[in-house]
Amino acid sequence: MTNSPEPEPSELENIHSVTDPEKCREMERRYDWKLKKIKVNKGLPLEIDCIFHGEQTSFQDFWYDYQD
């Protein structure tokens, strides 16, 4: 068993799938994330991957912030 080194912070990617590339830009503005690239995944229900710089997040994390 080998231990793989932790990725450098600059190498971390936060990926979220959407239906339209414009949604990537909306997430970038709304969450103050820096968009790294947009990747097309033909044949999947959500054909666009928005790839942002930084640690992976979950929208469920944000959801709990808005509940009373």
PDB file of N, CA and C in Angstrom:
ATOM      1  N   MET A   1       0.844  -1.174   0.000  1.00  0.00           N
ATOM      2  CA  MET A   1       0.000   0.000   0.000  1.00  0.00           C
ATOM      3  C   MET A   1       0.889   1.236   0.000  1.00  0.00           C
ATOM      4  N   THR A   2       0.591   2.155  -0.887  1.00  0.00           N
ATOM      5  CA  THR A   2       1.380   3.379  -0.946  1.00  0.00           C
ATOM      6  C   THR A   2       0.539   4.545  -0.469  1.00  0.00           C
ATOM      7  N   ASN A   3       1.184   5.447   0.174  1.00  0.00           N
ATOM      8  CA  ASN A   3       0.522   6.667   0.615  1.00  0.00           C
ATOM      9  C   ASN A   3       0.754   7.737  -0.429  1.00  0.00           C
ATOM     10  N   SER A   4      -0.327   8.210  -1.018  1.00  0.00           N
ATOM     11  CA  SER A   4      -0.163   9.277  -1.991  1.00  0.00           C
ATOM     12  C   SER A   4      -0.127  10.610  -1.252  1.00  0.00           C
ATOM     13  N   PRO A   5       0.725  11.498  -1.707  1.00  0.00           N
ATOM     14  CA  PRO A   5       0.839  12.785  -1.028  1.00  0.00           C
ATOM     15  C   PRO A   5      -0.438  13.614  -1.206  1.00  0.00           C
ATOM     16  N   GLU A   6      -0.689  14.469  -0.241  1.00  0.00           N
ATOM     17  CA  GLU A   6      -1.832  15.378  -0.330  1.00  0.00           C
ATOM     18  C   GLU A   6      -1.593  16.341  -1.487  1.00  0.00           C
ATOM     19  N   PRO A   7      -2.638  16.643  -2.260  1.00  0.00           N
ATOM     20  CA  PRO A   7      -2.442  17.612  -3.346  1.00  0.00           C
ATOM     21  C   PRO A   7      -2.163  19.005  -2.790  1.00  0.00           C
ATOM     22  N   GLU A   8      -1.397  19.753  -3.537  1.00  0.00           N
ATOM     23  CA  GLU A   8      -1.135  21.145  -3.173  1.00  0.00           C
ATOM     24  C   GLU A   8      -2.452  21.915  -3.241  1.00  0.00           C
ATOM     25  N   PRO A   9      -2.635  22.928  -2.394  1.00  0.00           N
ATOM     26  CA  PRO A   9      -3.875  23.708  -2.442  1.00  0.00           C
ATOM     27  C   PRO A   9      -4.192  24.254  -3.827  1.00  0.00           C
ATOM     28  N   SER A  10      -3.164  24.594  -4.590  1.00  0.00           N
ATOM     29  CA  SER A  10      -3.383  25.137  -5.937  1.00  0.00           C
ATOM     30  C   SER A  10      -3.875  24.066  -6.909  1.00  0.00           C
ATOM     31  N   GLU A  11      -3.739  22.790  -6.550  1.00  0.00           N
ATOM     32  CA  GLU A  11      -4.154  21.690  -7.417  1.00  0.00           C
ATOM     33  C   GLU A  11      -5.562  21.191  -7.104  1.00  0.00           C
ATOM     34  N   LEU A  12      -6.139  21.618  -5.972  1.00  0.00           N
ATOM     35  CA  LEU A  12      -7.462  21.139  -5.581  1.00  0.00           C
ATOM     36  C   LEU A  12      -8.523  21.643  -6.550  1.00  0.00           C
ATOM     37  N   GLU A  13      -9.508  20.787  -6.815  1.00  0.00           N
ATOM     38  CA  GLU A  13     -10.589  21.152  -7.724  1.00  0.00           C
ATOM     39  C   GLU A  13     -11.943  20.913  -7.067  1.00  0.00           C
ATOM     40  N   ASN A  14     -12.838  21.838  -7.292  1.00  0.00           N
ATOM     41  CA  ASN A  14     -14.197  21.823  -6.788  1.00  0.00           C
ATOM     42  C   ASN A  14     -15.095  21.670  -8.024  1.00  0.00           C
ATOM     43  N   ILE A  15     -15.731  20.517  -8.203  1.00  0.00           N
ATOM     44  CA  ILE A  15     -16.456  20.216  -9.435  1.00  0.00           C
ATOM     45  C   ILE A  15     -17.951  20.104  -9.159  1.00  0.00           C
ATOM     46  N   HIS A  16     -18.738  20.801  -9.992  1.00  0.00           N
ATOM     47  CA  HIS A  16     -20.200  20.746  -9.915  1.00  0.00           C
ATOM     48  C   HIS A  16     -20.745  20.649 -11.329  1.00  0.00           C
ATOM     49  N   SER A  17     -21.738  19.790 -11.528  1.00  0.00           N
ATOM     50  CA  SER A  17     -22.326  19.574 -12.849  1.00  0.00           C
ATOM     51  C   SER A  17     -23.581  20.417 -13.027  1.00  0.00           C
ATOM     52  N   VAL A  18     -23.760  20.904 -14.254  1.00  0.00           N
ATOM     53  CA  VAL A  18     -24.897  21.770 -14.593  1.00  0.00           C
ATOM     54  C   VAL A  18     -25.383  21.460 -15.998  1.00  0.00           C
ATOM     55  N   THR A  19     -26.447  22.140 -16.429  1.00  0.00           N
ATOM     56  CA  THR A  19     -27.023  21.929 -17.753  1.00  0.00           C
ATOM     57  C   THR A  19     -26.543  22.925 -18.788  1.00  0.00           C
ATOM     58  N   ASP A  20     -25.933  24.028 -18.350  1.00  0.00           N
ATOM     59  CA  ASP A  20     -25.573  25.112 -19.256  1.00  0.00           C
ATOM     60  C   ASP A  20     -24.300  25.789 -18.749  1.00  0.00           C
ATOM     61  N   PRO A  21     -23.354  26.092 -19.635  1.00  0.00           N
ATOM     62  CA  PRO A  21     -22.104  26.734 -19.199  1.00  0.00           C
ATOM     63  C   PRO A  21     -22.324  28.045 -18.445  1.00  0.00           C
ATOM     64  N   GLU A  22     -23.393  28.763 -18.759  1.00  0.00           N
ATOM     65  CA  GLU A  22     -23.662  30.026 -18.067  1.00  0.00           C
ATOM     66  C   GLU A  22     -23.886  29.790 -16.571  1.00  0.00           C
ATOM     67  N   LYS A  23     -24.373  28.605 -16.215  1.00  0.00           N
ATOM     68  CA  LYS A  23     -24.574  28.274 -14.802  1.00  0.00           C
ATOM     69  C   LYS A  23     -23.242  28.246 -14.054  1.00  0.00           C
ATOM     70  N   CYS A  24     -22.164  27.876 -14.746  1.00  0.00           N
ATOM     71  CA  CYS A  24     -20.834  27.900 -14.131  1.00  0.00           C
ATOM     72  C   CYS A  24     -20.464  29.327 -13.746  1.00  0.00           C
ATOM     73  N   ARG A  25     -20.740  30.238 -14.654  1.00  0.00           N
ATOM     74  CA  ARG A  25     -20.413  31.643 -14.389  1.00  0.00           C
ATOM     75  C   ARG A  25     -21.285  32.209 -13.266  1.00  0.00           C
ATOM     76  N   GLU A  26     -22.540  31.764 -13.205  1.00  0.00           N
ATOM     77  CA  GLU A  26     -23.424  32.195 -12.120  1.00  0.00           C
ATOM     78  C   GLU A  26     -22.903  31.706 -10.767  1.00  0.00           C
ATOM     79  N   MET A  27     -22.466  30.431 -10.712  1.00  0.00           N
ATOM     80  CA  MET A  27     -21.911  29.907  -9.460  1.00  0.00           C
ATOM     81  C   MET A  27     -20.647  30.655  -9.067  1.00  0.00           C
ATOM     82  N   GLU A  28     -19.823  30.997 -10.061  1.00  0.00           N
ATOM     83  CA  GLU A  28     -18.594  31.736  -9.792  1.00  0.00           C
ATOM     84  C   GLU A  28     -18.917  33.062  -9.103  1.00  0.00           C
ATOM     85  N   ARG A  29     -19.922  33.760  -9.615  1.00  0.00           N
ATOM     86  CA  ARG A  29     -20.311  35.050  -9.015  1.00  0.00           C
ATOM     87  C   ARG A  29     -20.979  34.853  -7.653  1.00  0.00           C
ATOM     88  N   ARG A  30     -21.914  33.921  -7.580  1.00  0.00           N
ATOM     89  CA  ARG A  30     -22.711  33.739  -6.361  1.00  0.00           C
ATOM     90  C   ARG A  30     -21.869  33.278  -5.172  1.00  0.00           C
ATOM     91  N   TYR A  31     -20.970  32.332  -5.405  1.00  0.00           N
ATOM     92  CA  TYR A  31     -20.205  31.744  -4.307  1.00  0.00           C
ATOM     93  C   TYR A  31     -18.778  32.272  -4.207  1.00  0.00           C
ATOM     94  N   ASP A  32     -18.425  33.209  -5.076  1.00  0.00           N
ATOM     95  CA  ASP A  32     -17.092  33.807  -5.084  1.00  0.00           C
ATOM     96  C   ASP A  32     -16.011  32.748  -5.287  1.00  0.00           C
ATOM     97  N   TRP A  33     -16.283  31.807  -6.205  1.00  0.00           N
ATOM     98  CA  TRP A  33     -15.328  30.780  -6.578  1.00  0.00           C
ATOM     99  C   TRP A  33     -14.627  31.220  -7.851  1.00  0.00           C
ATOM    100  N   LYS A  34     -13.396  30.769  -8.077  1.00  0.00           N
ATOM    101  CA  LYS A  34     -12.664  31.101  -9.294  1.00  0.00           C
ATOM    102  C   LYS A  34     -12.785  29.934 -10.276  1.00  0.00           C
ATOM    103  N   LEU A  35     -13.427  30.179 -11.417  1.00  0.00           N
ATOM    104  CA  LEU A  35     -13.634  29.151 -12.428  1.00  0.00           C
ATOM    105  C   LEU A  35     -12.310  28.802 -13.104  1.00  0.00           C
ATOM    106  N   LYS A  36     -11.998  27.529 -13.102  1.00  0.00           N
ATOM    107  CA  LYS A  36     -10.762  27.033 -13.712  1.00  0.00           C
ATOM    108  C   LYS A  36     -11.018  26.630 -15.155  1.00  0.00           C
ATOM    109  N   LYS A  37     -12.079  25.824 -15.373  1.00  0.00           N
ATOM    110  CA  LYS A  37     -12.431  25.420 -16.737  1.00  0.00           C
ATOM    111  C   LYS A  37     -13.832  24.835 -16.758  1.00  0.00           C
ATOM    112  N   ILE A  38     -14.363  24.717 -17.952  1.00  0.00           N
ATOM    113  CA  ILE A  38     -15.672  24.111 -18.190  1.00  0.00           C
ATOM    114  C   ILE A  38     -15.436  22.901 -19.071  1.00  0.00           C
ATOM    115  N   LYS A  39     -15.989  21.755 -18.647  1.00  0.00           N
ATOM    116  CA  LYS A  39     -15.785  20.505 -19.372  1.00  0.00           C
ATOM    117  C   LYS A  39     -17.143  19.967 -19.831  1.00  0.00           C
ATOM    118  N   VAL A  40     -17.226  19.567 -21.111  1.00  0.00           N
ATOM    119  CA  VAL A  40     -18.452  19.010 -21.671  1.00  0.00           C
ATOM    120  C   VAL A  40     -18.420  17.490 -21.539  1.00  0.00           C
ATOM    121  N   ASN A  41     -19.515  16.927 -21.024  1.00  0.00           N
ATOM    122  CA  ASN A  41     -19.664  15.483 -20.856  1.00  0.00           C
ATOM    123  C   ASN A  41     -20.888  15.028 -21.650  1.00  0.00           C
ATOM    124  N   LYS A  42     -20.714  14.774 -22.913  1.00  0.00           N
ATOM    125  CA  LYS A  42     -21.846  14.382 -23.762  1.00  0.00           C
ATOM    126  C   LYS A  42     -22.488  13.094 -23.268  1.00  0.00           C
ATOM    127  N   GLY A  43     -23.817  13.050 -23.332  1.00  0.00           N
ATOM    128  CA  GLY A  43     -24.550  11.843 -23.004  1.00  0.00           C
ATOM    129  C   GLY A  43     -24.958  11.709 -21.547  1.00  0.00           C
ATOM    130  N   LEU A  44     -24.477  12.594 -20.687  1.00  0.00           N
ATOM    131  CA  LEU A  44     -24.872  12.549 -19.278  1.00  0.00           C
ATOM    132  C   LEU A  44     -26.027  13.524 -19.054  1.00  0.00           C
ATOM    133  N   PRO A  45     -26.870  13.272 -18.067  1.00  0.00           N
ATOM    134  CA  PRO A  45     -27.996  14.186 -17.817  1.00  0.00           C
ATOM    135  C   PRO A  45     -27.553  15.632 -17.585  1.00  0.00           C
ATOM    136  N   LEU A  46     -26.503  15.814 -16.824  1.00  0.00           N
ATOM    137  CA  LEU A  46     -25.915  17.148 -16.644  1.00  0.00           C
ATOM    138  C   LEU A  46     -24.622  17.158 -17.442  1.00  0.00           C
ATOM    139  N   GLU A  47     -24.696  17.742 -18.634  1.00  0.00           N
ATOM    140  CA  GLU A  47     -23.611  17.605 -19.619  1.00  0.00           C
ATOM    141  C   GLU A  47     -22.409  18.505 -19.391  1.00  0.00           C
ATOM    142  N   ILE A  48     -22.481  19.391 -18.430  1.00  0.00           N
ATOM    143  CA  ILE A  48     -21.395  20.355 -18.214  1.00  0.00           C
ATOM    144  C   ILE A  48     -20.829  20.184 -16.811  1.00  0.00           C
ATOM    145  N   ASP A  49     -19.518  20.087 -16.704  1.00  0.00           N
ATOM    146  CA  ASP A  49     -18.835  20.129 -15.409  1.00  0.00           C
ATOM    147  C   ASP A  49     -18.179  21.494 -15.263  1.00  0.00           C
ATOM    148  N   CYS A  50     -18.510  22.163 -14.186  1.00  0.00           N
ATOM    149  CA  CYS A  50     -17.857  23.421 -13.830  1.00  0.00           C
ATOM    150  C   CYS A  50     -16.723  23.042 -12.886  1.00  0.00           C
ATOM    151  N   ILE A  51     -15.526  23.388 -13.248  1.00  0.00           N
ATOM    152  CA  ILE A  51     -14.367  23.042 -12.431  1.00  0.00           C
ATOM    153  C   ILE A  51     -13.776  24.336 -11.879  1.00  0.00           C
ATOM    154  N   PHE A  52     -13.833  24.439 -10.550  1.00  0.00           N
ATOM    155  CA  PHE A  52     -13.356  25.625  -9.859  1.00  0.00           C
ATOM    156  C   PHE A  52     -12.079  25.299  -9.096  1.00  0.00           C
ATOM    157  N   HIS A  53     -11.294  26.314  -8.805  1.00  0.00           N
ATOM    158  CA  HIS A  53     -10.121  26.152  -7.952  1.00  0.00           C
ATOM    159  C   HIS A  53     -10.596  25.964  -6.519  1.00  0.00           C
ATOM    160  N   GLY A  54      -9.943  25.080  -5.781  1.00  0.00           N
ATOM    161  CA  GLY A  54     -10.223  24.939  -4.360  1.00  0.00           C
ATOM    162  C   GLY A  54     -10.773  23.584  -3.973  1.00  0.00           C
ATOM    163  N   GLU A  55     -10.964  23.418  -2.691  1.00  0.00           N
ATOM    164  CA  GLU A  55     -11.424  22.166  -2.104  1.00  0.00           C
ATOM    165  C   GLU A  55     -12.868  21.871  -2.512  1.00  0.00           C
ATOM    166  N   GLN A  56     -13.176  20.592  -2.707  1.00  0.00           N
ATOM    167  CA  GLN A  56     -14.525  20.174  -3.091  1.00  0.00           C
ATOM    168  C   GLN A  56     -15.533  20.590  -2.024  1.00  0.00           C
ATOM    169  N   THR A  57     -16.653  21.126  -2.475  1.00  0.00           N
ATOM    170  CA  THR A  57     -17.741  21.528  -1.581  1.00  0.00           C
ATOM    171  C   THR A  57     -19.003  20.759  -1.953  1.00  0.00           C
ATOM    172  N   SER A  58     -19.997  20.883  -1.092  1.00  0.00           N
ATOM    173  CA  SER A  58     -21.293  20.264  -1.328  1.00  0.00           C
ATOM    174  C   SER A  58     -22.360  21.316  -1.119  1.00  0.00           C
ATOM    175  N   PHE A  59     -23.353  21.366  -1.998  1.00  0.00           N
ATOM    176  CA  PHE A  59     -24.427  22.328  -1.800  1.00  0.00           C
ATOM    177  C   PHE A  59     -25.254  21.970  -0.576  1.00  0.00           C
ATOM    178  N   GLN A  60     -25.190  20.736  -0.132  1.00  0.00           N
ATOM    179  CA  GLN A  60     -25.869  20.358   1.097  1.00  0.00           C
ATOM    180  C   GLN A  60     -25.265  21.132   2.273  1.00  0.00           C
ATOM    181  N   ASP A  61     -23.967  21.401   2.215  1.00  0.00           N
ATOM    182  CA  ASP A  61     -23.326  22.206   3.255  1.00  0.00           C
ATOM    183  C   ASP A  61     -23.971  23.592   3.325  1.00  0.00           C
ATOM    184  N   PHE A  62     -24.249  24.183   2.159  1.00  0.00           N
ATOM    185  CA  PHE A  62     -24.870  25.501   2.109  1.00  0.00           C
ATOM    186  C   PHE A  62     -26.328  25.420   2.563  1.00  0.00           C
ATOM    187  N   TRP A  63     -27.012  24.332   2.230  1.00  0.00           N
ATOM    188  CA  TRP A  63     -28.409  24.162   2.552  1.00  0.00           C
ATOM    189  C   TRP A  63     -28.631  24.254   4.063  1.00  0.00           C
ATOM    190  N   TYR A  64     -27.767  23.600   4.832  1.00  0.00           N
ATOM    191  CA  TYR A  64     -27.904  23.639   6.281  1.00  0.00           C
ATOM    192  C   TYR A  64     -27.717  25.031   6.850  1.00  0.00           C
ATOM    193  N   ASP A  65     -26.933  25.866   6.173  1.00  0.00           N
ATOM    194  CA  ASP A  65     -26.724  27.231   6.632  1.00  0.00           C
ATOM    195  C   ASP A  65     -28.001  28.065   6.584  1.00  0.00           C
ATOM    196  N   TYR A  66     -28.944  27.708   5.691  1.00  0.00           N
ATOM    197  CA  TYR A  66     -30.138  28.509   5.492  1.00  0.00           C
ATOM    198  C   TYR A  66     -31.337  28.019   6.300  1.00  0.00           C
ATOM    199  N   GLN A  67     -31.204  26.940   7.007  1.00  0.00           N
ATOM    200  CA  GLN A  67     -32.311  26.449   7.814  1.00  0.00           C
ATOM    201  C   GLN A  67     -32.303  27.100   9.187  1.00  0.00           C
ATOM    202  N   ASP A  68     -33.480  27.278   9.729  1.00  0.00           N
ATOM    203  CA  ASP A  68     -33.578  27.841  11.087  1.00  0.00           C
ATOM    204  C   ASP A  68     -33.517  26.764  12.131  1.00  0.00           C
TER     205      ASP A  68
END
